[in-house]
Amino acid sequence: MLFVTALAGIAGGKPGEKVPLYSYKIVNIYPHDTGAFTQGLVYADGVLYEGTGQKGESSIRKVDIKTGTVLQFHQLP
């Protein structure tokens, strides 16, 4: 119970304080392997570096963002 009480102070905000509301705008849509369970994603120089996987299916991929083509693929143990 002490642990939960200690974390309650970290939750932030004061009672009655409004939670900020953020919006978003979709500016583009790119093709992507819908079977990929994305766990990590980095975008650099027009290329996506994506870590994917579920148990026994983990991989690291280098993907062309415009076409969705996997340029490099490495299966992880």
N, C-alpha and C. Protein backbone atom coordinates (compact mmCIF):
# COMPACT_ATOMS: atom_id res chain seq x y z
N MET A 1 0.82 -1.18 0.00
CA MET A 1 0.00 0.00 0.00
C MET A 1 0.88 1.25 0.00
N LEU A 2 2.00 1.19 0.68
CA LEU A 2 2.90 2.34 0.72
C LEU A 2 3.39 2.68 -0.68
N PHE A 3 3.70 1.66 -1.49
CA PHE A 3 4.18 1.87 -2.85
C PHE A 3 3.13 2.60 -3.68
N VAL A 4 1.88 2.17 -3.60
CA VAL A 4 0.79 2.81 -4.34
C VAL A 4 0.61 4.24 -3.88
N THR A 5 0.68 4.47 -2.59
CA THR A 5 0.55 5.82 -2.05
C THR A 5 1.69 6.70 -2.54
N ALA A 6 2.90 6.16 -2.59
CA ALA A 6 4.05 6.92 -3.06
C ALA A 6 3.88 7.30 -4.53
N LEU A 7 3.35 6.39 -5.32
CA LEU A 7 3.15 6.67 -6.74
C LEU A 7 2.02 7.67 -6.98
N ALA A 8 1.10 7.76 -6.08
CA ALA A 8 -0.03 8.68 -6.25
C ALA A 8 0.46 10.12 -6.42
N GLY A 9 1.54 10.46 -5.76
CA GLY A 9 2.10 11.81 -5.89
C GLY A 9 2.74 12.05 -7.24
N ILE A 10 3.17 10.98 -7.92
CA ILE A 10 3.81 11.09 -9.22
C ILE A 10 2.77 11.28 -10.33
N ALA A 11 1.55 10.85 -10.08
CA ALA A 11 0.51 10.88 -11.11
C ALA A 11 0.30 12.29 -11.66
N GLY A 12 0.67 13.28 -10.92
CA GLY A 12 0.64 14.66 -11.40
C GLY A 12 -0.72 15.30 -11.30
N GLY A 13 -0.71 16.60 -11.44
CA GLY A 13 -1.95 17.35 -11.42
C GLY A 13 -2.52 17.51 -10.03
N LYS A 14 -3.40 18.47 -9.95
CA LYS A 14 -4.10 18.74 -8.70
C LYS A 14 -5.55 18.39 -8.90
N PRO A 15 -6.24 18.02 -7.85
CA PRO A 15 -7.67 17.72 -7.99
C PRO A 15 -8.41 18.88 -8.65
N GLY A 16 -9.22 18.58 -9.64
CA GLY A 16 -9.98 19.60 -10.34
C GLY A 16 -9.23 20.27 -11.48
N GLU A 17 -7.92 19.99 -11.61
CA GLU A 17 -7.12 20.59 -12.68
C GLU A 17 -7.51 19.96 -14.02
N LYS A 18 -7.69 20.78 -15.05
CA LYS A 18 -8.09 20.27 -16.36
C LYS A 18 -6.92 19.54 -17.03
N VAL A 19 -7.25 18.47 -17.70
CA VAL A 19 -6.26 17.70 -18.46
C VAL A 19 -6.13 18.35 -19.83
N PRO A 20 -4.91 18.60 -20.31
CA PRO A 20 -4.76 19.22 -21.63
C PRO A 20 -5.34 18.33 -22.73
N LEU A 21 -5.94 18.96 -23.72
CA LEU A 21 -6.51 18.25 -24.85
C LEU A 21 -5.68 18.60 -26.08
N TYR A 22 -5.14 17.58 -26.74
CA TYR A 22 -4.31 17.79 -27.91
C TYR A 22 -5.05 17.30 -29.15
N SER A 23 -4.76 17.91 -30.27
CA SER A 23 -5.37 17.46 -31.52
C SER A 23 -4.25 16.99 -32.45
N TYR A 24 -4.63 16.46 -33.59
CA TYR A 24 -3.65 16.01 -34.57
C TYR A 24 -4.23 16.21 -35.96
N LYS A 25 -3.36 16.16 -36.95
CA LYS A 25 -3.76 16.30 -38.34
C LYS A 25 -2.96 15.28 -39.14
N ILE A 26 -3.63 14.44 -39.90
CA ILE A 26 -2.96 13.47 -40.77
C ILE A 26 -2.49 14.22 -42.00
N VAL A 27 -1.18 14.22 -42.25
CA VAL A 27 -0.64 14.96 -43.39
C VAL A 27 -0.25 14.05 -44.55
N ASN A 28 -0.11 12.75 -44.29
CA ASN A 28 0.21 11.80 -45.35
C ASN A 28 -0.04 10.39 -44.85
N ILE A 29 -0.23 9.48 -45.77
CA ILE A 29 -0.42 8.07 -45.45
C ILE A 29 0.55 7.27 -46.31
N TYR A 30 1.25 6.33 -45.69
CA TYR A 30 2.24 5.51 -46.39
C TYR A 30 1.88 4.04 -46.25
N PRO A 31 2.24 3.22 -47.25
CA PRO A 31 1.97 1.78 -47.16
C PRO A 31 2.83 1.14 -46.07
N HIS A 32 2.28 0.09 -45.45
CA HIS A 32 3.00 -0.59 -44.38
C HIS A 32 2.49 -2.02 -44.27
N ASP A 33 3.37 -2.92 -43.91
CA ASP A 33 3.01 -4.32 -43.69
C ASP A 33 2.07 -4.41 -42.50
N THR A 34 0.81 -4.71 -42.75
CA THR A 34 -0.18 -4.77 -41.66
C THR A 34 0.05 -5.96 -40.73
N GLY A 35 0.87 -6.91 -41.15
CA GLY A 35 1.19 -8.05 -40.30
C GLY A 35 2.36 -7.78 -39.36
N ALA A 36 3.00 -6.63 -39.52
CA ALA A 36 4.15 -6.29 -38.67
C ALA A 36 3.66 -5.70 -37.35
N PHE A 37 4.10 -6.31 -36.25
CA PHE A 37 3.78 -5.80 -34.92
C PHE A 37 4.91 -4.86 -34.53
N THR A 38 4.76 -3.58 -34.82
CA THR A 38 5.82 -2.60 -34.63
C THR A 38 6.08 -2.36 -33.14
N GLN A 39 7.36 -2.47 -32.76
CA GLN A 39 7.76 -2.23 -31.38
C GLN A 39 8.71 -1.05 -31.26
N GLY A 40 9.37 -0.70 -32.34
CA GLY A 40 10.27 0.44 -32.33
C GLY A 40 10.34 1.02 -33.73
N LEU A 41 10.48 2.34 -33.83
CA LEU A 41 10.44 2.98 -35.14
C LEU A 41 11.33 4.20 -35.14
N VAL A 42 12.21 4.28 -36.15
CA VAL A 42 13.07 5.44 -36.33
C VAL A 42 12.97 5.85 -37.80
N TYR A 43 12.85 7.15 -38.05
CA TYR A 43 12.80 7.67 -39.41
C TYR A 43 14.04 8.52 -39.64
N ALA A 44 14.80 8.21 -40.70
CA ALA A 44 16.00 8.99 -41.02
C ALA A 44 16.26 8.92 -42.52
N ASP A 45 16.49 10.05 -43.13
CA ASP A 45 16.87 10.14 -44.54
C ASP A 45 15.90 9.40 -45.47
N GLY A 46 14.61 9.52 -45.23
CA GLY A 46 13.61 8.90 -46.11
C GLY A 46 13.41 7.42 -45.90
N VAL A 47 14.01 6.86 -44.86
CA VAL A 47 13.94 5.42 -44.60
C VAL A 47 13.42 5.18 -43.19
N LEU A 48 12.58 4.16 -43.04
CA LEU A 48 12.13 3.73 -41.72
C LEU A 48 13.01 2.58 -41.25
N TYR A 49 13.42 2.62 -40.02
CA TYR A 49 14.09 1.50 -39.37
C TYR A 49 13.10 1.02 -38.33
N GLU A 50 12.66 -0.22 -38.50
CA GLU A 50 11.54 -0.72 -37.69
C GLU A 50 11.91 -2.01 -36.98
N GLY A 51 11.67 -2.03 -35.69
CA GLY A 51 11.79 -3.25 -34.92
C GLY A 51 10.40 -3.83 -34.77
N THR A 52 10.25 -5.10 -35.12
CA THR A 52 8.93 -5.74 -35.07
C THR A 52 9.01 -7.04 -34.31
N GLY A 53 7.86 -7.60 -34.02
CA GLY A 53 7.87 -8.95 -33.52
C GLY A 53 6.90 -9.25 -32.43
N GLN A 54 6.71 -10.51 -32.32
CA GLN A 54 6.04 -11.14 -31.21
C GLN A 54 6.94 -12.32 -30.90
N LYS A 55 6.64 -13.05 -29.89
CA LYS A 55 7.52 -14.14 -29.48
C LYS A 55 7.85 -15.05 -30.67
N GLY A 56 9.13 -15.18 -30.96
CA GLY A 56 9.59 -16.04 -32.05
C GLY A 56 9.50 -15.42 -33.43
N GLU A 57 9.05 -14.17 -33.53
CA GLU A 57 8.88 -13.53 -34.84
C GLU A 57 9.53 -12.15 -34.89
N SER A 58 10.49 -11.87 -34.05
CA SER A 58 11.10 -10.54 -33.99
C SER A 58 12.05 -10.31 -35.16
N SER A 59 12.06 -9.07 -35.65
CA SER A 59 12.95 -8.72 -36.75
C SER A 59 13.29 -7.24 -36.69
N ILE A 60 14.34 -6.90 -37.43
CA ILE A 60 14.69 -5.50 -37.66
C ILE A 60 14.62 -5.31 -39.17
N ARG A 61 13.96 -4.23 -39.60
CA ARG A 61 13.75 -3.99 -41.02
C ARG A 61 14.17 -2.57 -41.39
N LYS A 62 14.66 -2.45 -42.61
CA LYS A 62 14.90 -1.14 -43.21
C LYS A 62 13.87 -1.04 -44.32
N VAL A 63 12.99 -0.03 -44.25
CA VAL A 63 11.83 0.03 -45.14
C VAL A 63 11.80 1.36 -45.90
N ASP A 64 11.57 1.29 -47.21
CA ASP A 64 11.36 2.49 -48.02
C ASP A 64 10.01 3.07 -47.64
N ILE A 65 9.99 4.27 -47.10
CA ILE A 65 8.74 4.83 -46.58
C ILE A 65 7.69 5.06 -47.66
N LYS A 66 8.11 5.41 -48.87
CA LYS A 66 7.14 5.74 -49.93
C LYS A 66 6.47 4.52 -50.53
N THR A 67 7.19 3.40 -50.60
CA THR A 67 6.63 2.20 -51.24
C THR A 67 6.26 1.11 -50.25
N GLY A 68 6.83 1.16 -49.06
CA GLY A 68 6.61 0.10 -48.08
C GLY A 68 7.48 -1.11 -48.32
N THR A 69 8.36 -1.03 -49.32
CA THR A 69 9.25 -2.14 -49.66
C THR A 69 10.30 -2.33 -48.58
N VAL A 70 10.45 -3.58 -48.14
CA VAL A 70 11.48 -3.91 -47.15
C VAL A 70 12.81 -3.99 -47.89
N LEU A 71 13.73 -3.09 -47.58
CA LEU A 71 15.03 -3.02 -48.25
C LEU A 71 16.03 -3.98 -47.62
N GLN A 72 15.97 -4.13 -46.32
CA GLN A 72 16.82 -5.08 -45.59
C GLN A 72 15.99 -5.69 -44.48
N PHE A 73 16.30 -6.95 -44.16
CA PHE A 73 15.53 -7.67 -43.16
C PHE A 73 16.47 -8.56 -42.38
N HIS A 74 16.37 -8.53 -41.06
CA HIS A 74 17.17 -9.41 -40.22
C HIS A 74 16.27 -10.03 -39.16
N GLN A 75 16.13 -11.35 -39.22
CA GLN A 75 15.33 -12.08 -38.23
C GLN A 75 16.14 -12.19 -36.94
N LEU A 76 15.50 -11.90 -35.82
CA LEU A 76 16.16 -12.01 -34.52
C LEU A 76 15.80 -13.33 -33.86
N PRO A 77 16.72 -13.87 -33.06
CA PRO A 77 16.42 -15.15 -32.40
C PRO A 77 15.31 -15.03 -31.36
